Amino acid sequence: MIPRQLAAAAPGWTTTADVVVIGSGIAGLVTALRCRPHGRVLLVTKALLDAGSTRWAQGGIAAALAPDDTPAEHLADTLVAGVGLCDEAAVRALVTEGPDAVRRLIAFGAEFDRAADGEIALTREGGHHRRRIAHAGGDATGAEISRALLAALKEAGIEVIEHALVLDLLRDGAGRAAGVTLHVMGEGQPHGVGAVRARAVVLATGGLGQVFSATTNPEVSTGDGVALALRAGAAVADLEFVQFHPTVLWLGDGARGRQPLISEAVRGEGAHLVDASGTRFMAGRHELAELAPRDVVAKGITNRMRETGASHMLLDARHFGAAMWERRFPTILAACRHHGIDPVTEPIPVVPAAHYASGGVRTDLHGRTTVPGLYACGEAACTGVHGANRLASNSLLEGLVFAERIAAAIAADPAVPGTPGAAPARAALLGPDARAEIQRIMTAHAGVIRTGPGLATAVRELAALPAGAEPGVAAWEATNLHTVASAIAAAALRREETRGSHWREDFPDLSAAWRGHLVTRLAGDGLTTTFEEHA
């Protein structure tokens, strides 16, 4: 049974704001900064301010900044990666507004790497036909963006609550968002379960990678925003399209949790994927070989592993030399050496792992969800930009561009919610032990390779997990993971084709009949998934 509200104590304290932003990655920080001139903004984050996915972003941010590049070319590459399911209007907004949005990010203090002539140094990644990826600190782009935005946040005087897990949306009698309930664990601030009353709520909660055993996502990425939106009656879409990053450092068959990412930019600079015999197996599989879109490369690696019986493949960048590794990829070099691999002298063992959710809470071009007053941005949102698969380094840009659009939409909407309505009945929670079982089920049956019988098993086993745990952070997170995993598995079972990052072994071909979106809602105590043809 999927709960319509998490079991929790009644709020013991209440505060108010004009806008409450949930999440402190690029999407949440930019939204908060852009909303600040229009009223009181409260930013709530689950752990520390810099603990989300943005700080881990290595490759960079994509935008048509080079003289020989155009938004039209960026749009074309994005549409190809999305395999027929991108909302072209959303992509056009992304690529046309992107360059100036990056310049405004620089104005916030973000310092990107520069070429000898002083211009921003640009590189290529998978799926891009131009060098349009701006990076910072070699492979520490996310950390630099996070640093600059956090400094701007402090200067703007925006109030922050850290160590706060948002529980549920408050709605007025007409169903409009009226704030959130949350549980705070930090010292020196409100403690325990409380409520924030606000006229606008922005979900920028990041990803859902912890649904799987191995992921590039941090521990806090438990799909909280998507689960909250479902409980609030919002529509979510395209959840079956979970991108598996092709090159994650292989730490052994028993590795669990967050795994070190080997950025796409390493392949962009000329690294080769090889098997144990040294054969470049991506050559001939796609015109771009190692720089093909991520789903193509992830499938290529997985297929080669199956063909050879190997537990991993190898990424060979020994020809870079020590100086280039130390200058361009210092973070990756340190991570590899920490785990006993020296990429200067040996190939890096790599496997695909859950990376990025192309689907999420369904929004329009201004971040509005189907619940009035509730907005979503960044990885928690489904703006239509990604379609069936995300193009490398479009994620930071999406968070940046659509955060600015959300702020403009909130400023233009004077509506104020009424008195919060009656809350739905609280359902039982899954226990903390369910987290590992959810990850096992999803990894076994809803990973890179999927089949109808396997997905049916996942749906059945997820539904059979027992509930009845006492309220607490671990139980709330496990319940959120269960809600999101159930929605992913149901949508993946329904989509009987292979498209983008959704690979059905029993339906290996693209199907025109499935050129559309699976939209999921919570009705009663169960999820309903409907198919809508692509506009």
Protein backbone atom coordinates (compact mmCIF):
# COMPACT_ATOMS: atom_id res chain seq x y z
CA MET A 1 0.00 0.00 0.00
CA ILE A 2 1.33 3.43 -0.94
CA PRO A 3 0.65 5.98 1.84
CA ARG A 4 -1.07 9.29 1.16
CA GLN A 5 0.72 10.81 4.14
CA LEU A 6 3.74 9.70 6.17
CA ALA A 7 3.04 8.72 9.76
CA ALA A 8 4.61 11.40 11.96
CA ALA A 9 3.97 13.40 15.11
CA ALA A 10 1.85 16.52 14.84
CA PRO A 11 3.92 19.65 14.08
CA GLY A 12 5.32 21.10 17.28
CA TRP A 13 6.31 24.43 15.74
CA THR A 14 5.34 26.57 12.76
CA THR A 15 7.11 29.24 10.74
CA THR A 16 6.11 31.18 7.64
CA ALA A 17 7.72 32.27 4.38
CA ASP A 18 6.61 33.51 1.00
CA VAL A 19 8.53 30.71 -0.72
CA VAL A 20 9.96 27.52 0.72
CA VAL A 21 12.62 25.82 -1.42
CA ILE A 22 13.43 22.20 -0.68
CA GLY A 23 16.99 21.29 -1.68
CA SER A 24 20.38 22.98 -1.92
CA GLY A 25 21.78 21.89 -5.28
CA ILE A 26 22.02 24.24 -8.23
CA ALA A 27 18.24 24.13 -8.79
CA GLY A 28 17.34 25.01 -5.21
CA LEU A 29 20.06 27.61 -4.68
CA VAL A 30 19.34 29.52 -7.89
CA THR A 31 15.58 29.41 -7.22
CA ALA A 32 16.12 30.79 -3.72
CA LEU A 33 18.46 33.54 -4.93
CA ARG A 34 16.12 34.60 -7.74
CA CYS A 35 13.04 34.56 -5.46
CA ARG A 36 14.73 36.60 -2.72
CA PRO A 37 13.87 40.04 -4.20
CA HIS A 38 10.18 39.14 -4.12
CA GLY A 39 9.73 38.14 -0.47
CA ARG A 40 10.93 35.98 2.39
CA VAL A 41 12.57 32.77 1.22
CA LEU A 42 13.29 29.77 3.42
CA LEU A 43 15.65 27.11 2.04
CA VAL A 44 15.38 23.66 3.60
CA THR A 45 17.99 20.98 2.97
CA LYS A 46 18.15 17.37 4.07
CA ALA A 47 21.75 17.32 5.29
CA LEU A 48 24.40 20.04 5.02
CA LEU A 49 24.02 22.73 2.37
CA ASP A 50 26.66 21.21 0.08
CA ALA A 51 25.78 17.53 0.57
CA GLY A 52 23.63 17.06 -2.54
CA SER A 53 24.44 15.89 -6.05
CA THR A 54 25.60 19.23 -7.49
CA ARG A 55 28.93 19.21 -5.65
CA TRP A 56 29.72 15.78 -7.13
CA ALA A 57 29.15 16.88 -10.74
CA GLN A 58 32.48 16.37 -12.48
CA GLY A 59 31.98 16.85 -16.21
CA GLY A 60 30.54 20.34 -16.41
CA ILE A 61 27.68 22.41 -17.75
CA ALA A 62 26.68 22.38 -21.42
CA ALA A 63 25.88 25.57 -23.33
CA ALA A 64 26.51 26.95 -26.80
CA LEU A 65 29.23 29.37 -25.73
CA ALA A 66 31.75 28.79 -28.53
CA PRO A 67 31.77 31.01 -31.65
CA ASP A 68 31.34 27.95 -33.90
CA ASP A 69 28.43 26.54 -31.86
CA THR A 70 24.74 27.44 -31.87
CA PRO A 71 21.68 26.76 -29.71
CA ALA A 72 20.19 24.99 -32.75
CA GLU A 73 23.04 22.46 -32.75
CA HIS A 74 22.72 21.96 -28.99
CA LEU A 75 18.99 21.43 -29.48
CA ALA A 76 19.60 18.83 -32.20
CA ASP A 77 22.00 16.82 -30.01
CA THR A 78 19.56 16.93 -27.09
CA LEU A 79 16.65 15.73 -29.22
CA VAL A 80 18.71 12.81 -30.56
CA ALA A 81 19.64 11.72 -27.04
CA GLY A 82 15.99 11.94 -25.93
CA VAL A 83 14.91 9.42 -28.60
CA GLY A 84 11.70 11.11 -29.69
CA LEU A 85 10.30 12.01 -26.27
CA CYS A 86 11.81 15.45 -25.55
CA ASP A 87 9.46 18.39 -25.32
CA GLU A 88 11.01 20.51 -28.06
CA ALA A 89 9.72 23.74 -26.53
CA ALA A 90 11.41 22.88 -23.22
CA VAL A 91 14.67 22.01 -24.97
CA ARG A 92 14.51 25.23 -27.01
CA ALA A 93 14.12 27.22 -23.78
CA LEU A 94 17.09 25.35 -22.30
CA VAL A 95 19.50 25.88 -25.18
CA THR A 96 18.52 29.46 -26.05
CA GLU A 97 18.47 30.76 -22.48
CA GLY A 98 21.39 28.58 -21.40
CA PRO A 99 24.37 30.68 -22.54
CA ASP A 100 23.20 33.84 -20.79
CA ALA A 101 22.20 31.82 -17.71
CA VAL A 102 25.78 30.50 -17.52
CA ARG A 103 27.07 34.07 -17.80
CA ARG A 104 24.79 35.06 -14.91
CA LEU A 105 26.19 32.10 -12.96
CA ILE A 106 29.66 33.52 -13.58
CA ALA A 107 28.37 36.85 -12.27
CA PHE A 108 27.45 35.02 -9.04
CA GLY A 109 31.16 34.21 -8.74
CA ALA A 110 31.55 30.80 -10.40
CA GLU A 111 35.02 30.52 -11.94
CA PHE A 112 35.32 28.19 -14.93
CA ASP A 113 38.59 26.93 -16.37
CA ARG A 114 40.03 29.19 -19.04
CA ALA A 115 41.99 28.51 -22.21
CA ALA A 116 45.28 30.27 -23.03
CA ASP A 117 43.39 33.10 -24.73
CA GLY A 118 41.31 33.77 -21.64
CA GLU A 119 38.08 32.35 -23.02
CA ILE A 120 36.18 29.59 -21.19
CA ALA A 121 37.80 26.24 -21.95
CA LEU A 122 35.26 23.91 -23.54
CA THR A 123 35.34 20.14 -23.96
CA ARG A 124 33.13 17.42 -25.44
CA GLU A 125 31.13 14.65 -23.83
CA GLY A 126 28.93 11.83 -25.06
CA GLY A 127 26.25 12.79 -27.57
CA HIS A 128 27.66 16.27 -28.27
CA HIS A 129 28.97 17.10 -31.73
CA ARG A 130 30.63 20.30 -30.50
CA ARG A 131 32.94 21.25 -27.66
CA ARG A 132 30.40 22.99 -25.42
CA ILE A 133 31.07 21.71 -21.90
CA ALA A 134 32.39 24.35 -19.48
CA HIS A 135 34.23 22.92 -16.49
CA ALA A 136 35.93 24.14 -13.33
CA GLY A 137 38.90 22.81 -11.41
CA GLY A 138 39.41 20.24 -14.14
CA ASP A 139 36.77 17.83 -12.90
CA ALA A 140 35.31 19.72 -9.94
CA THR A 141 32.66 21.77 -11.73
CA GLY A 142 29.84 21.01 -9.33
CA ALA A 143 31.96 21.84 -6.30
CA GLU A 144 32.86 25.25 -7.78
CA ILE A 145 29.27 26.06 -8.73
CA SER A 146 28.10 25.03 -5.27
CA ARG A 147 30.81 27.19 -3.63
CA ALA A 148 29.84 30.27 -5.61
CA LEU A 149 26.10 29.89 -5.07
CA LEU A 150 26.46 29.20 -1.34
CA ALA A 151 28.54 32.37 -0.99
CA ALA A 152 25.83 34.30 -2.83
CA LEU A 153 23.16 32.71 -0.61
CA LYS A 154 24.99 33.84 2.52
CA GLU A 155 25.42 37.35 1.14
CA ALA A 156 21.70 37.52 0.29
CA GLY A 157 20.80 36.63 3.88
CA ILE A 158 18.48 33.79 2.93
CA GLU A 159 17.34 31.76 5.92
CA VAL A 160 18.38 28.10 5.86
CA ILE A 161 17.30 25.03 7.84
CA GLU A 162 19.77 22.14 7.55
CA HIS A 163 19.33 18.49 8.53
CA ALA A 164 15.63 18.68 7.67
CA LEU A 165 13.71 15.92 5.93
CA VAL A 166 10.55 17.27 4.31
CA LEU A 167 7.63 14.94 4.99
CA ASP A 168 4.45 16.08 3.24
CA LEU A 169 2.81 18.97 1.42
CA LEU A 170 0.30 21.12 3.23
CA ARG A 171 -2.69 22.04 1.03
CA ASP A 172 -5.61 24.37 1.55
CA GLY A 173 -9.24 23.38 1.15
CA ALA A 174 -9.07 23.98 -2.61
CA GLY A 175 -6.03 21.74 -3.00
CA ARG A 176 -3.44 24.52 -3.42
CA ALA A 177 0.01 24.10 -1.86
CA ALA A 178 0.17 25.92 1.46
CA GLY A 179 3.56 24.80 2.81
CA VAL A 180 5.19 21.61 4.07
CA THR A 181 5.70 19.53 7.16
CA LEU A 182 9.26 18.54 7.98
CA HIS A 183 11.44 16.89 10.58
CA VAL A 184 14.54 18.77 11.74
CA MET A 185 17.50 17.15 13.46
CA GLY A 186 20.01 20.01 13.58
CA GLU A 187 21.02 21.98 16.67
CA GLY A 188 20.46 25.71 17.09
CA GLN A 189 17.30 25.73 14.97
CA PRO A 190 13.72 24.41 15.20
CA HIS A 191 13.78 20.75 16.26
CA GLY A 192 11.52 17.76 15.62
CA VAL A 193 8.44 17.79 13.42
CA GLY A 194 7.28 21.23 12.35
CA ALA A 195 5.46 23.10 9.60
CA VAL A 196 6.40 25.84 7.18
CA ARG A 197 3.47 27.84 5.79
CA ALA A 198 4.20 29.36 2.38
CA ARG A 199 2.34 30.52 -0.73
CA ALA A 200 4.76 28.61 -3.01
CA VAL A 201 6.68 25.36 -2.51
CA VAL A 202 9.60 24.41 -4.77
CA LEU A 203 10.81 20.82 -4.87
CA ALA A 204 14.50 20.71 -5.76
CA THR A 205 15.22 17.52 -3.86
CA GLY A 206 17.49 15.86 -6.41
CA GLY A 207 17.52 12.28 -7.56
CA LEU A 208 16.43 8.80 -6.61
CA GLY A 209 19.59 6.75 -7.24
CA GLN A 210 19.46 5.10 -3.81
CA VAL A 211 16.62 2.97 -5.17
CA PHE A 212 19.45 0.82 -6.62
CA SER A 213 22.33 -0.97 -4.89
CA ALA A 214 25.05 0.84 -6.85
CA THR A 215 24.69 4.50 -7.79
CA THR A 216 26.65 7.69 -8.31
CA ASN A 217 24.12 9.54 -6.13
CA PRO A 218 24.86 10.57 -2.52
CA GLU A 219 23.13 8.85 0.37
CA VAL A 220 20.50 11.60 0.60
CA SER A 221 19.12 10.85 -2.91
CA THR A 222 16.11 8.81 -1.83
CA GLY A 223 13.46 10.24 -4.15
CA ASP A 224 11.84 12.29 -1.40
CA GLY A 225 10.47 14.99 -3.72
CA VAL A 226 8.86 12.55 -6.16
CA ALA A 227 7.31 10.56 -3.31
CA LEU A 228 5.98 13.72 -1.65
CA ALA A 229 4.51 14.92 -4.94
CA LEU A 230 2.75 11.61 -5.52
CA ARG A 231 1.24 11.70 -2.03
CA ALA A 232 0.08 15.27 -2.71
CA GLY A 233 -1.77 14.18 -5.84
CA ALA A 234 0.71 15.54 -8.40
CA ALA A 235 1.47 13.73 -11.66
CA VAL A 236 4.89 12.25 -12.27
CA ALA A 237 6.11 11.13 -15.68
CA ASP A 238 8.81 9.14 -17.48
CA LEU A 239 10.04 7.41 -14.31
CA GLU A 240 11.06 4.31 -16.25
CA PHE A 241 13.88 6.28 -17.86
CA VAL A 242 16.63 5.94 -15.27
CA GLN A 243 20.00 6.63 -16.80
CA PHE A 244 22.85 4.32 -15.85
CA HIS A 245 26.18 6.09 -16.15
CA PRO A 246 28.43 3.86 -18.26
CA THR A 247 31.67 4.42 -16.37
CA VAL A 248 31.60 4.10 -12.60
CA LEU A 249 34.65 2.81 -10.76
CA TRP A 250 34.18 -0.93 -10.16
CA LEU A 251 34.83 -1.66 -6.49
CA GLY A 252 34.02 -5.38 -6.54
CA ASP A 253 30.87 -7.45 -6.88
CA GLY A 254 29.74 -6.75 -3.31
CA ALA A 255 30.01 -2.94 -3.46
CA ARG A 256 26.92 -1.03 -2.33
CA GLY A 257 25.84 2.61 -2.05
CA ARG A 258 27.51 5.58 -3.73
CA GLN A 259 30.26 4.59 -6.18
CA PRO A 260 32.95 6.96 -7.57
CA LEU A 261 32.04 8.39 -10.96
CA ILE A 262 34.53 8.39 -13.82
CA SER A 263 33.31 11.41 -15.72
CA GLU A 264 32.22 11.32 -19.32
CA ALA A 265 34.78 14.05 -19.85
CA VAL A 266 37.55 11.46 -19.53
CA ARG A 267 36.19 9.82 -22.69
CA GLY A 268 35.66 13.28 -24.13
CA GLU A 269 39.40 13.86 -23.86
CA GLY A 270 40.20 10.62 -25.66
CA ALA A 271 40.06 7.68 -23.25
CA HIS A 272 39.08 4.32 -24.79
CA LEU A 273 36.82 1.56 -23.51
CA VAL A 274 38.43 -1.86 -23.88
CA ASP A 275 37.82 -5.38 -22.69
CA ALA A 276 40.37 -7.56 -20.91
CA SER A 277 42.02 -8.41 -24.24
CA GLY A 278 42.43 -4.72 -25.11
CA THR A 279 39.73 -4.68 -27.82
CA ARG A 280 37.88 -1.37 -28.30
CA PHE A 281 34.40 -2.87 -28.33
CA MET A 282 32.47 0.41 -28.82
CA ALA A 283 34.07 1.03 -32.22
CA GLY A 284 31.51 -0.04 -34.83
CA ARG A 285 28.58 0.00 -32.39
CA HIS A 286 27.94 3.72 -32.89
CA GLU A 287 29.37 6.51 -35.05
CA LEU A 288 30.63 8.29 -31.92
CA ALA A 289 32.08 5.08 -30.37
CA GLU A 290 32.92 5.88 -26.71
CA LEU A 291 31.21 9.26 -27.06
CA ALA A 292 27.83 7.83 -28.00
CA PRO A 293 24.87 8.78 -25.76
CA ARG A 294 25.05 7.21 -22.35
CA ASP A 295 22.39 4.56 -22.90
CA VAL A 296 24.30 3.30 -25.94
CA VAL A 297 27.59 3.10 -24.05
CA ALA A 298 25.99 1.53 -20.95
CA LYS A 299 24.36 -1.12 -23.13
CA GLY A 300 27.62 -1.67 -24.99
CA ILE A 301 29.51 -2.27 -21.75
CA THR A 302 26.78 -4.51 -20.35
CA ASN A 303 26.62 -6.55 -23.56
CA ARG A 304 30.39 -6.97 -23.66
CA MET A 305 30.38 -8.09 -20.03
CA ARG A 306 27.77 -10.69 -20.90
CA GLU A 307 29.65 -11.79 -24.03
CA THR A 308 32.94 -12.23 -22.20
CA GLY A 309 31.67 -13.22 -18.75
CA ALA A 310 33.66 -10.36 -17.23
CA SER A 311 32.52 -8.48 -14.13
CA HIS A 312 33.65 -5.14 -15.55
CA MET A 313 35.24 -3.43 -18.54
CA LEU A 314 38.27 -1.13 -18.66
CA LEU A 315 38.70 2.56 -19.43
CA ASP A 316 42.18 3.16 -20.79
CA ALA A 317 43.59 6.68 -20.48
CA ARG A 318 47.22 5.85 -19.84
CA HIS A 319 48.18 7.88 -22.89
CA PHE A 320 47.07 11.07 -21.07
CA GLY A 321 50.23 11.00 -18.98
CA ALA A 322 50.62 12.11 -15.38
CA ALA A 323 50.61 15.85 -16.11
CA MET A 324 47.25 15.79 -17.88
CA TRP A 325 45.67 13.57 -15.24
CA GLU A 326 46.84 15.92 -12.49
CA ARG A 327 45.72 19.08 -14.33
CA ARG A 328 42.45 17.98 -15.95
CA PHE A 329 41.11 15.25 -13.65
CA PRO A 330 42.64 15.67 -10.19
CA THR A 331 39.48 14.57 -8.33
CA ILE A 332 39.08 11.37 -10.36
CA LEU A 333 42.80 10.64 -10.09
CA ALA A 334 42.65 10.94 -6.31
CA ALA A 335 39.53 8.75 -6.08
CA CYS A 336 41.08 6.04 -8.22
CA ARG A 337 44.33 6.05 -6.25
CA HIS A 338 42.35 5.95 -3.00
CA HIS A 339 40.90 2.65 -4.21
CA GLY A 340 44.23 1.27 -5.35
CA ILE A 341 44.04 2.09 -9.08
CA ASP A 342 46.53 4.41 -10.78
CA PRO A 343 45.04 5.51 -14.12
CA VAL A 344 48.40 6.94 -15.19
CA THR A 345 49.83 3.44 -15.40
CA GLU A 346 46.81 1.08 -15.64
CA PRO A 347 43.30 1.01 -17.13
CA ILE A 348 40.41 1.82 -14.80
CA PRO A 349 37.88 -0.98 -14.09
CA VAL A 350 34.40 0.38 -14.81
CA VAL A 351 30.75 -0.72 -14.80
CA PRO A 352 27.43 1.07 -15.34
CA ALA A 353 25.57 2.29 -12.23
CA ALA A 354 22.34 4.20 -11.60
CA HIS A 355 23.04 7.85 -12.24
CA TYR A 356 20.28 10.20 -13.34
CA ALA A 357 16.48 10.13 -13.45
CA SER A 358 15.18 11.62 -16.68
CA GLY A 359 11.64 11.52 -15.29
CA GLY A 360 10.19 13.06 -12.18
CA VAL A 361 7.43 15.42 -11.07
CA ARG A 362 5.69 16.61 -14.22
CA THR A 363 5.96 20.35 -14.85
CA ASP A 364 5.18 22.92 -17.51
CA LEU A 365 7.77 25.26 -19.01
CA HIS A 366 7.76 27.36 -15.84
CA GLY A 367 8.18 24.55 -13.33
CA ARG A 368 4.52 24.40 -12.31
CA THR A 369 3.31 20.95 -11.30
CA THR A 370 -0.30 19.76 -11.54
CA VAL A 371 -0.85 20.97 -7.95
CA PRO A 372 -1.29 24.78 -7.86
CA GLY A 373 1.46 26.49 -5.89
CA LEU A 374 3.78 23.48 -6.08
CA TYR A 375 6.82 23.75 -8.36
CA ALA A 376 9.60 21.30 -9.19
CA CYS A 377 13.07 21.88 -10.57
CA GLY A 378 16.28 19.98 -11.29
CA GLU A 379 16.47 16.21 -11.17
CA ALA A 380 13.25 15.94 -9.15
CA ALA A 381 11.33 17.44 -12.09
CA CYS A 382 10.25 16.14 -15.47
CA THR A 383 10.40 19.30 -17.58
CA GLY A 384 10.45 17.41 -20.88
CA VAL A 385 14.07 18.37 -21.59
CA HIS A 386 15.52 14.88 -21.32
CA GLY A 387 12.92 12.65 -22.92
CA ALA A 388 14.04 9.03 -22.77
CA ASN A 389 17.65 9.83 -21.93
CA ARG A 390 19.64 12.77 -20.61
CA LEU A 391 22.35 14.31 -22.76
CA ALA A 392 25.61 14.66 -20.85
CA SER A 393 26.01 17.89 -18.85
CA ASN A 394 22.50 19.17 -19.61
CA SER A 395 21.52 18.57 -15.97
CA LEU A 396 23.27 21.53 -14.35
CA LEU A 397 22.01 23.73 -17.18
CA GLU A 398 18.44 22.51 -16.71
CA GLY A 399 18.56 23.29 -13.00
CA LEU A 400 19.94 26.74 -13.74
CA VAL A 401 17.55 27.74 -16.55
CA PHE A 402 14.35 26.37 -15.03
CA ALA A 403 15.15 27.77 -11.58
CA GLU A 404 15.14 31.22 -13.14
CA ARG A 405 11.86 30.42 -14.90
CA ILE A 406 10.26 29.23 -11.66
CA ALA A 407 11.30 32.40 -9.83
CA ALA A 408 9.71 34.51 -12.56
CA ALA A 409 6.50 32.45 -12.41
CA ILE A 410 6.26 32.75 -8.62
CA ALA A 411 6.81 36.50 -8.79
CA ALA A 412 3.98 36.80 -11.33
CA ASP A 413 1.50 34.71 -9.30
CA PRO A 414 -0.14 36.71 -6.47
CA ALA A 415 -2.36 33.82 -5.32
CA VAL A 416 -2.30 33.07 -1.61
CA PRO A 417 -3.47 29.72 -0.20
CA GLY A 418 -6.34 29.51 2.18
CA THR A 419 -6.48 27.63 5.47
CA PRO A 420 -4.85 24.19 5.28
CA GLY A 421 -7.44 21.49 4.71
CA ALA A 422 -7.84 18.20 6.52
CA ALA A 423 -4.86 15.87 6.18
CA PRO A 424 -5.34 12.37 4.77
CA ALA A 425 -5.04 9.39 7.06
CA ARG A 426 -1.50 8.33 7.86
CA ALA A 427 -0.50 4.86 6.65
CA ALA A 428 2.05 2.49 8.14
CA LEU A 429 5.73 2.98 7.30
CA LEU A 430 8.25 0.48 6.00
CA GLY A 431 11.06 -0.35 8.39
CA PRO A 432 14.71 0.70 7.91
CA ASP A 433 15.65 -2.83 6.83
CA ALA A 434 13.42 -2.47 3.76
CA ARG A 435 15.94 -0.13 2.13
CA ALA A 436 18.41 -2.90 1.32
CA GLU A 437 15.63 -5.17 0.10
CA ILE A 438 14.22 -2.47 -2.20
CA GLN A 439 17.71 -1.95 -3.64
CA ARG A 440 18.15 -5.70 -4.16
CA ILE A 441 14.81 -6.02 -5.96
CA MET A 442 15.38 -3.02 -8.22
CA THR A 443 18.96 -3.92 -9.09
CA ALA A 444 18.03 -7.50 -9.94
CA HIS A 445 14.92 -6.73 -12.00
CA ALA A 446 14.85 -3.04 -13.04
CA GLY A 447 18.48 -2.23 -13.79
CA VAL A 448 20.27 -1.75 -17.11
CA ILE A 449 18.65 -4.85 -18.65
CA ARG A 450 14.94 -5.45 -18.03
CA THR A 451 12.43 -8.15 -18.93
CA GLY A 452 8.69 -8.48 -18.46
CA PRO A 453 8.93 -11.42 -16.05
CA GLY A 454 11.66 -9.71 -14.05
CA LEU A 455 9.71 -6.47 -13.74
CA ALA A 456 6.56 -8.36 -12.78
CA THR A 457 8.61 -10.00 -10.04
CA ALA A 458 9.82 -6.58 -8.90
CA VAL A 459 6.25 -5.23 -8.72
CA ARG A 460 5.11 -8.29 -6.77
CA GLU A 461 8.03 -8.34 -4.34
CA LEU A 462 7.82 -4.61 -3.67
CA ALA A 463 4.11 -4.91 -2.92
CA ALA A 464 4.80 -7.73 -0.47
CA LEU A 465 7.25 -5.79 1.71
CA PRO A 466 5.81 -5.47 5.22
CA ALA A 467 4.93 -2.15 6.83
CA GLY A 468 4.39 -1.22 10.45
CA ALA A 469 7.54 0.61 11.54
CA GLU A 470 7.67 3.50 13.98
CA PRO A 471 8.17 7.00 12.54
CA GLY A 472 11.77 8.09 12.07
CA VAL A 473 14.16 9.24 9.36
CA ALA A 474 15.19 5.74 8.28
CA ALA A 475 11.55 4.59 8.05
CA TRP A 476 10.49 7.74 6.18
CA GLU A 477 13.32 7.31 3.68
CA ALA A 478 12.57 3.61 3.20
CA THR A 479 8.91 4.44 2.58
CA ASN A 480 9.83 7.12 0.05
CA LEU A 481 12.17 4.69 -1.73
CA HIS A 482 9.40 2.09 -1.81
CA THR A 483 6.93 4.56 -3.32
CA VAL A 484 9.38 5.63 -6.03
CA ALA A 485 10.60 2.08 -6.73
CA SER A 486 7.01 0.87 -7.12
CA ALA A 487 6.30 3.65 -9.61
CA ILE A 488 9.47 2.94 -11.62
CA ALA A 489 8.82 -0.79 -11.79
CA ALA A 490 5.17 -0.35 -12.82
CA ALA A 491 6.07 2.08 -15.61
CA ALA A 492 8.97 -0.07 -16.83
CA LEU A 493 6.71 -3.12 -16.96
CA ARG A 494 4.11 -1.17 -18.91
CA ARG A 495 6.53 0.17 -21.58
CA GLU A 496 7.00 -2.74 -23.97
CA GLU A 497 9.84 -1.41 -26.10
CA THR A 498 13.48 -0.39 -25.85
CA ARG A 499 13.95 3.37 -25.91
CA GLY A 500 16.74 5.52 -24.50
CA SER A 501 17.74 4.42 -21.03
CA HIS A 502 14.85 1.91 -20.83
CA TRP A 503 16.10 -1.40 -22.25
CA ARG A 504 13.63 -4.29 -22.47
CA GLU A 505 15.40 -7.46 -23.56
CA ASP A 506 12.05 -9.04 -24.49
CA PHE A 507 11.11 -5.98 -26.57
CA PRO A 508 14.48 -4.98 -28.06
CA ASP A 509 13.22 -2.55 -30.71
CA LEU A 510 11.95 1.02 -30.72
CA SER A 511 8.19 1.13 -31.27
CA ALA A 512 6.22 4.02 -32.78
CA ALA A 513 3.22 2.85 -30.75
CA TRP A 514 5.11 3.71 -27.56
CA ARG A 515 6.14 7.24 -28.57
CA GLY A 516 4.49 8.78 -25.59
CA HIS A 517 4.69 9.25 -21.85
CA LEU A 518 3.67 7.10 -18.91
CA VAL A 519 2.10 9.36 -16.31
CA THR A 520 1.72 8.07 -12.77
CA ARG A 521 -0.57 9.29 -10.00
CA LEU A 522 -1.58 8.02 -6.60
CA ALA A 523 -5.27 7.15 -6.49
CA GLY A 524 -6.69 5.72 -3.29
CA ASP A 525 -3.95 3.52 -1.88
CA GLY A 526 -2.45 2.52 -5.22
CA LEU A 527 -0.53 3.93 -8.16
CA THR A 528 -2.20 4.34 -11.54
CA THR A 529 -0.15 4.66 -14.71
CA THR A 530 -1.65 5.96 -17.95
CA PHE A 531 -0.13 6.35 -21.41
CA GLU A 532 -0.27 9.73 -23.16
CA GLU A 533 0.86 10.12 -26.76
CA HIS A 534 3.74 12.51 -27.30
CA ALA A 535 2.56 15.88 -28.56
